[in-house]
C-alpha cells in the first residue's frame, strides 16, 4: 500500500505500539477502500499459501490470527469473487475386506475419554489412482491430537503395508504399554503378523463395528482431506512422485501448518505442544455400561495395564461380542 512505503503492516504496528486489530479497525473506519484492498490481498495470500486447500472458514480463522477484523461471510464473498474457494471433494471409496475368519476385537475406542497423546491411535487404508495403476496408502493418527504418526505407500494391499506404517509410528512415538490401536476389521489389521506387533509392544487392539464409519471418523476425515487438498489437486508421474508429495503434505503441511477445527483451529503440533505445557500425560478412561440402569464401571488404560474386563451381562449398545 502506498501509505506504508517500504514498511510492512506488522512493522508499522510495532513501531507505533498499537495492535494490528486496532490498526485495521481504524483503517476500516477512515479508509474503507484501502482496508478492503488489504483484506482481499491477505485472503489471496492465505489461500495461495495453503494451495487452495483452505475453505473460507479456515481462511477466516487464519486472518483473525493475523489481526484482521473479518467474518466468514465476507471472506467467502472475496474468495468466491476471486475464484479462490477450496477444491471440492470427490466420492470417497472404502477398501476394507472384513470377510475373513480371523479374530476381531472389542471396540474400545468409542468408550475412551482421552486426556493426552499416545492413548489412542486410529488406523486406516485408502487407494490412490495414478495414470496406469492403483497404489495404497496406510496411515495412523493420534486420536487426541489428530497428528499423522505413521504412513506407508505401496502397490499392494498386503498386510506388510499396514505393518510398516505401524512400525514407523512406534519408532517415532515410542508409546508406553496400554496404548489402544483402533482400526476397521480389515484382514490387514486382523492378521497374525500385525496383531503380533501390537501385543509385543503392549498395544491393545480395538476394531470398529461392521458398516459403521463413525467409529473410525478421525482417520477417514484425514483421508478425505488428503484427497481433496492434495491428491485431486495434482497429477503424479509415478509412485515416487506421489510419495514425495504425500510426504510434503503430511510432514510439511498437515501436521505443522494446517489449522484443525477440532483442535480449536490449531495445528496438531501446536496442539500437542500446548497440551504438554499444561499438564502431565494421564491414562485414558474407559467406560463400560452394565445391564443395570444408572450403573457404570470405569477402568484406566495406562502403562502395564491389560485389556479391562467387562461387567457381567454387559449391554454393548447393539454390538455383539465375539
Protein backbone atom coordinates (compact mmCIF):
# COMPACT_ATOMS: atom_id res chain seq x y z
CA UNK A 1 0.00 0.00 0.00
CA UNK A 2 1.37 3.48 -0.84
CA UNK A 3 0.74 4.92 2.60
CA UNK A 4 3.04 2.39 4.27
CA UNK A 5 6.03 2.78 1.94
CA UNK A 6 8.56 0.01 2.42
CA UNK A 7 7.32 -0.93 5.90
CA UNK A 8 5.05 -3.88 6.47
CA UNK A 9 1.82 -3.53 8.43
CA UNK A 10 3.29 -5.65 11.20
CA UNK A 11 6.38 -3.44 11.47
CA UNK A 12 4.31 -0.25 11.45
CA UNK A 13 2.21 -1.56 14.32
CA UNK A 14 5.31 -2.50 16.29
CA UNK A 15 6.83 0.97 15.86
CA UNK A 16 3.56 2.70 16.75
CA UNK A 17 2.95 0.30 19.65
CA UNK A 18 -0.58 -0.50 18.53
CA UNK A 19 -2.21 -3.83 17.86
CA UNK A 20 -2.83 -5.00 14.32
CA UNK A 21 -6.52 -5.37 15.17
CA UNK A 22 -6.60 -1.74 16.25
CA UNK A 23 -4.86 -0.67 13.07
CA UNK A 24 -7.34 -2.50 10.85
CA UNK A 25 -10.28 -1.15 12.84
CA UNK A 26 -9.05 2.42 12.30
CA UNK A 27 -8.31 1.70 8.64
CA UNK A 28 -11.80 0.29 8.13
CA UNK A 29 -13.40 3.40 9.63
CA UNK A 30 -11.28 6.00 7.85
CA UNK A 31 -10.20 4.36 4.60
CA UNK A 32 -12.72 1.60 3.76
CA UNK A 33 -11.45 1.08 0.19
CA UNK A 34 -7.87 0.69 1.33
CA UNK A 35 -8.98 -1.68 4.08
CA UNK A 36 -10.94 -3.78 1.57
CA UNK A 37 -7.87 -4.00 -0.65
CA UNK A 38 -5.71 -5.01 2.32
CA UNK A 39 -8.14 -7.76 3.36
CA UNK A 40 -8.50 -9.04 -0.21
CA UNK A 41 -4.72 -9.20 -0.53
CA UNK A 42 -4.46 -11.12 2.74
CA UNK A 43 -7.20 -13.57 1.69
CA UNK A 44 -5.35 -14.25 -1.55
CA UNK A 45 -2.08 -14.71 0.32
CA UNK A 46 -3.54 -17.23 2.80
CA UNK A 47 -5.40 -19.15 0.08
CA UNK A 48 -2.29 -19.44 -2.08
CA UNK A 49 -0.01 -20.25 0.86
CA UNK A 50 -2.22 -23.25 1.55
CA UNK A 51 -2.53 -24.08 -2.16
CA UNK A 52 -6.32 -23.58 -2.10
CA UNK A 53 -6.69 -26.32 0.48
CA UNK A 54 -8.40 -23.97 2.94
CA UNK A 55 -12.10 -23.21 2.73
CA UNK A 56 -13.49 -19.86 3.79
CA UNK A 57 -13.84 -20.83 7.47
CA UNK A 58 -10.17 -21.73 7.90
CA UNK A 59 -9.10 -18.68 5.91
CA UNK A 60 -11.23 -16.58 8.26
CA UNK A 61 -9.61 -18.10 11.34
CA UNK A 62 -6.12 -17.61 9.91
CA UNK A 63 -6.88 -13.95 9.14
CA UNK A 64 -8.13 -13.42 12.69
CA UNK A 65 -4.90 -14.95 13.98
CA UNK A 66 -3.10 -12.28 11.94
CA UNK A 67 -5.17 -9.47 13.46
CA UNK A 68 -7.79 -8.85 10.76
CA UNK A 69 -11.36 -7.96 11.72
CA UNK A 70 -13.31 -10.15 9.32
CA UNK A 71 -16.22 -12.59 9.41
CA UNK A 72 -16.69 -15.76 7.38
CA UNK A 73 -19.38 -14.24 5.12
CA UNK A 74 -17.04 -11.52 3.94
CA UNK A 75 -14.17 -13.94 3.40
CA UNK A 76 -16.45 -16.32 1.48
CA UNK A 77 -17.56 -13.44 -0.77
CA UNK A 78 -13.98 -12.41 -1.52
CA UNK A 79 -12.91 -15.99 -2.21
CA UNK A 80 -15.90 -16.53 -4.48
CA UNK A 81 -15.22 -13.32 -6.41
CA UNK A 82 -11.52 -14.18 -6.80
CA UNK A 83 -12.15 -17.85 -7.61
CA UNK A 84 -10.28 -18.99 -4.51
CA UNK A 85 -12.83 -21.32 -2.95
CA UNK A 86 -11.37 -24.61 -1.75
CA UNK A 87 -11.13 -27.61 -4.03
CA UNK A 88 -14.28 -29.72 -3.77
CA UNK A 89 -14.15 -33.40 -2.75
CA UNK A 90 -14.79 -36.40 -4.93
CA UNK A 91 -16.59 -39.52 -3.89
CA UNK A 92 -14.75 -41.49 -1.18
CA UNK A 93 -14.29 -45.24 -1.74
CA UNK A 94 -13.66 -47.76 1.06
CA UNK A 95 -11.08 -50.55 0.70
CA UNK A 96 -11.91 -52.73 3.71
CA UNK A 97 -12.04 -56.51 3.32
CA UNK A 98 -13.57 -57.84 6.55
CA UNK A 99 -14.75 -61.15 5.08
CA UNK A 100 -12.26 -63.35 6.93
CA UNK A 101 -12.16 -65.88 9.77
CA UNK A 102 -9.51 -64.05 11.82
CA UNK A 103 -10.21 -62.84 15.33
CA UNK A 104 -11.78 -59.41 15.72
CA UNK A 105 -11.56 -57.33 18.88
CA UNK A 106 -13.86 -55.36 21.13
CA UNK A 107 -14.40 -51.73 20.16
CA UNK A 108 -12.64 -49.81 22.92
CA UNK A 109 -12.19 -46.51 21.06
CA UNK A 110 -15.77 -45.32 21.38
CA UNK A 111 -15.65 -45.92 25.15
CA UNK A 112 -12.49 -43.89 25.71
CA UNK A 113 -12.22 -40.42 27.19
CA UNK A 114 -8.83 -39.14 26.03
CA UNK A 115 -6.65 -36.84 28.10
CA UNK A 116 -3.34 -36.93 26.22
CA UNK A 117 -1.34 -38.17 23.25
CA UNK A 118 -0.46 -41.81 22.60
CA UNK A 119 -3.53 -43.12 24.38
CA UNK A 120 -5.39 -43.94 21.16
CA UNK A 121 -4.09 -44.47 17.64
CA UNK A 122 -6.51 -44.76 14.73
CA UNK A 123 -5.53 -46.55 11.51
CA UNK A 124 -7.00 -46.82 8.03
CA UNK A 125 -6.09 -47.65 4.40
CA UNK A 126 -7.16 -45.95 1.19
CA UNK A 127 -6.43 -46.28 -2.52
CA UNK A 128 -4.99 -43.65 -4.86
CA UNK A 129 -5.33 -43.90 -8.63
CA UNK A 130 -2.35 -42.98 -10.80
CA UNK A 131 -2.33 -42.87 -14.59
CA UNK A 132 -1.63 -46.54 -15.11
CA UNK A 133 -2.05 -48.20 -11.70
CA UNK A 134 -3.59 -48.10 -8.24
CA UNK A 135 -1.47 -47.64 -5.13
CA UNK A 136 -2.49 -47.89 -1.49
CA UNK A 137 -1.79 -45.67 1.50
CA UNK A 138 -1.90 -46.83 5.13
CA UNK A 139 -2.00 -44.11 7.79
CA UNK A 140 -2.02 -43.94 11.59
CA UNK A 141 -3.24 -40.88 13.50
CA UNK A 142 -3.04 -39.98 17.16
CA UNK A 143 -6.67 -39.87 18.28
CA UNK A 144 -6.09 -36.96 20.67
CA UNK A 145 -4.05 -34.55 18.53
CA UNK A 146 -5.06 -35.77 15.04
CA UNK A 147 -1.37 -35.82 14.12
CA UNK A 148 -0.27 -38.36 11.50
CA UNK A 149 2.30 -40.50 13.31
CA UNK A 150 2.87 -43.19 10.66
CA UNK A 151 2.19 -43.83 6.98
CA UNK A 152 3.24 -46.15 4.16
CA UNK A 153 2.58 -46.11 0.40
CA UNK A 154 2.77 -49.31 -1.68
CA UNK A 155 1.36 -51.06 -4.75
CA UNK A 156 -0.19 -53.88 -2.75
CA UNK A 157 -2.81 -54.25 -0.01
CA UNK A 158 -0.77 -56.99 1.70
CA UNK A 159 -0.52 -56.95 5.49
CA UNK A 160 3.01 -55.56 5.33
CA UNK A 161 1.61 -52.21 4.09
CA UNK A 162 -0.21 -51.58 7.37
CA UNK A 163 2.58 -53.21 9.36
CA UNK A 164 5.26 -50.85 8.05
CA UNK A 165 3.09 -47.82 8.83
CA UNK A 166 2.68 -49.19 12.36
CA UNK A 167 6.41 -49.78 12.78
CA UNK A 168 7.11 -46.21 11.65
CA UNK A 169 4.64 -44.86 14.22
CA UNK A 170 6.18 -46.97 17.00
CA UNK A 171 9.71 -45.82 16.16
CA UNK A 172 8.62 -42.18 16.05
CA UNK A 173 6.49 -42.09 19.21
CA UNK A 174 7.79 -44.99 21.35
CA UNK A 175 4.44 -45.35 23.16
CA UNK A 176 4.07 -46.86 26.60
CA UNK A 177 2.19 -50.15 27.04
CA UNK A 178 -1.56 -49.67 27.28
CA UNK A 179 -1.99 -47.63 24.10
CA UNK A 180 -5.19 -48.60 22.25
CA UNK A 181 -4.88 -49.17 18.49
CA UNK A 182 -8.20 -48.82 16.65
CA UNK A 183 -8.95 -49.87 13.08
CA UNK A 184 -11.65 -51.40 10.94
CA UNK A 185 -11.98 -55.18 10.74
CA UNK A 186 -9.90 -55.47 7.58
CA UNK A 187 -7.69 -58.50 7.11
CA UNK A 188 -4.54 -56.35 7.19
CA UNK A 189 -5.26 -55.32 10.80
CA UNK A 190 -6.53 -58.74 11.93
CA UNK A 191 -3.55 -60.67 10.54
CA UNK A 192 -1.33 -62.58 12.93
CA UNK A 193 1.74 -60.52 12.00
CA UNK A 194 0.03 -57.20 12.67
CA UNK A 195 -1.60 -58.28 15.92
CA UNK A 196 1.74 -59.79 16.95
CA UNK A 197 3.44 -56.39 16.66
CA UNK A 198 0.71 -54.81 18.78
CA UNK A 199 0.92 -57.42 21.53
CA UNK A 200 4.72 -57.39 21.54
CA UNK A 201 4.61 -53.66 22.30
CA UNK A 202 1.80 -53.89 24.85
CA UNK A 203 -0.64 -52.16 22.50
CA UNK A 204 -4.30 -53.14 22.85
CA UNK A 205 -6.20 -53.83 19.59
CA UNK A 206 -9.66 -52.34 19.06
CA UNK A 207 -11.89 -52.69 15.98
CA UNK A 208 -14.93 -50.95 14.55
CA UNK A 209 -18.37 -52.45 14.29
CA UNK A 210 -19.33 -53.66 10.80
CA UNK A 211 -20.54 -50.95 8.39
CA UNK A 212 -20.10 -48.16 10.93
CA UNK A 213 -17.78 -45.42 9.60
CA UNK A 214 -18.22 -43.21 12.66
CA UNK A 215 -16.00 -45.45 14.79
CA UNK A 216 -13.04 -44.51 12.59
CA UNK A 217 -14.12 -40.96 11.79
CA UNK A 218 -10.91 -39.05 12.55
CA UNK A 219 -8.78 -41.18 10.24
CA UNK A 220 -11.36 -41.15 7.46
CA UNK A 221 -11.59 -37.38 7.86
CA UNK A 222 -7.83 -37.10 7.30
CA UNK A 223 -8.04 -39.27 4.19
CA UNK A 224 -10.81 -37.09 2.75
CA UNK A 225 -8.70 -34.01 3.47
CA UNK A 226 -5.64 -35.57 1.84
CA UNK A 227 -7.57 -36.46 -1.30
CA UNK A 228 -9.42 -33.16 -1.56
CA UNK A 229 -6.49 -30.86 -0.82
CA UNK A 230 -3.58 -32.80 -2.34
CA UNK A 231 -4.45 -35.83 -4.49
CA UNK A 232 -7.27 -34.33 -6.56
CA UNK A 233 -5.40 -31.05 -6.97
CA UNK A 234 -2.36 -32.58 -8.69
CA UNK A 235 -1.24 -35.11 -11.27
CA UNK A 236 1.59 -37.52 -10.49
CA UNK A 237 4.10 -39.09 -12.84
CA UNK A 238 4.57 -42.27 -10.82
CA UNK A 239 4.55 -43.70 -7.31
CA UNK A 240 7.78 -41.95 -6.29
CA UNK A 241 6.42 -38.60 -7.42
CA UNK A 242 3.26 -39.24 -5.40
CA UNK A 243 5.26 -40.32 -2.34
CA UNK A 244 7.24 -37.07 -2.36
CA UNK A 245 4.02 -35.04 -2.49
CA UNK A 246 2.38 -37.04 0.30
CA UNK A 247 5.46 -36.66 2.48
CA UNK A 248 5.43 -32.90 1.96
CA UNK A 249 1.68 -32.73 2.61
CA UNK A 250 1.79 -34.75 5.85
CA UNK A 251 5.10 -33.68 7.38
CA UNK A 252 5.42 -30.19 5.96
CA UNK A 253 1.81 -29.07 5.87
CA UNK A 254 -0.86 -31.14 7.63
CA UNK A 255 0.97 -31.73 10.92
CA UNK A 256 2.68 -28.34 11.11
CA UNK A 257 0.64 -25.70 9.26
CA UNK A 258 -2.96 -26.75 8.68
CA UNK A 259 -5.45 -25.43 11.24
CA UNK A 260 -7.89 -28.05 12.57
CA UNK A 261 -11.33 -27.01 13.73
CA UNK A 262 -11.46 -29.96 16.15
CA UNK A 263 -8.28 -28.63 17.83
CA UNK A 264 -9.56 -25.10 18.31
CA UNK A 265 -8.06 -24.04 14.98
CA UNK A 266 -4.53 -25.08 15.92
CA UNK A 267 -2.14 -27.35 14.08
CA UNK A 268 -1.54 -30.85 15.50
CA UNK A 269 1.98 -29.91 16.55
CA UNK A 270 0.76 -26.70 18.20
CA UNK A 271 -1.95 -28.65 20.00
CA UNK A 272 0.47 -31.28 21.29
CA UNK A 273 2.91 -28.60 22.45
CA UNK A 274 0.13 -26.72 24.27
CA UNK A 275 -1.14 -29.88 25.95
CA UNK A 276 2.35 -30.88 27.07
CA UNK A 277 2.91 -27.46 28.61
CA UNK A 278 -0.39 -27.54 30.53
CA UNK A 279 -0.48 -30.95 32.16
CA UNK A 280 1.34 -34.22 32.54
CA UNK A 281 0.08 -37.11 30.44
CA UNK A 282 -2.57 -39.25 32.13
CA UNK A 283 -4.22 -42.54 31.30
CA UNK A 284 -7.33 -42.59 29.18
CA UNK A 285 -10.56 -43.65 30.87
CA UNK A 286 -12.69 -46.50 29.56
CA UNK A 287 -16.39 -46.58 30.38
CA UNK A 288 -18.49 -49.75 30.32
CA UNK A 289 -22.24 -49.85 30.90
CA UNK A 290 -23.70 -52.72 32.90
CA UNK A 291 -27.13 -54.24 32.37
CA UNK A 292 -28.47 -52.45 35.47
CA UNK A 293 -29.71 -48.89 34.90
CA UNK A 294 -27.70 -45.98 36.30
CA UNK A 295 -24.69 -48.21 36.96
CA UNK A 296 -21.35 -47.56 35.27
CA UNK A 297 -17.93 -49.15 35.76
CA UNK A 298 -14.70 -47.49 34.71
CA UNK A 299 -11.16 -48.67 34.09
CA UNK A 300 -7.90 -46.96 33.17
CA UNK A 301 -5.67 -47.84 30.25
CA UNK A 302 -2.08 -46.93 31.03
CA UNK A 303 1.39 -48.32 31.50
CA UNK A 304 1.41 -52.04 32.15
CA UNK A 305 -2.36 -52.45 32.01
CA UNK A 306 -4.20 -55.27 30.33
CA UNK A 307 -7.46 -55.14 28.41
CA UNK A 308 -10.13 -54.25 31.00
CA UNK A 309 -12.57 -56.98 31.94
CA UNK A 310 -16.23 -56.30 31.29
CA UNK A 311 -19.02 -56.28 33.87
CA UNK A 312 -21.28 -59.34 33.91
CA UNK A 313 -24.04 -59.41 31.27
CA UNK A 314 -22.85 -56.21 29.58
CA UNK A 315 -25.02 -54.14 27.30
CA UNK A 316 -22.86 -53.03 24.39
CA UNK A 317 -25.21 -50.63 22.67
CA UNK A 318 -26.13 -53.06 19.92
CA UNK A 319 -22.65 -54.54 19.38
CA UNK A 320 -22.33 -58.32 19.54
CA UNK A 321 -19.48 -59.92 21.48
CA UNK A 322 -17.06 -62.35 19.92
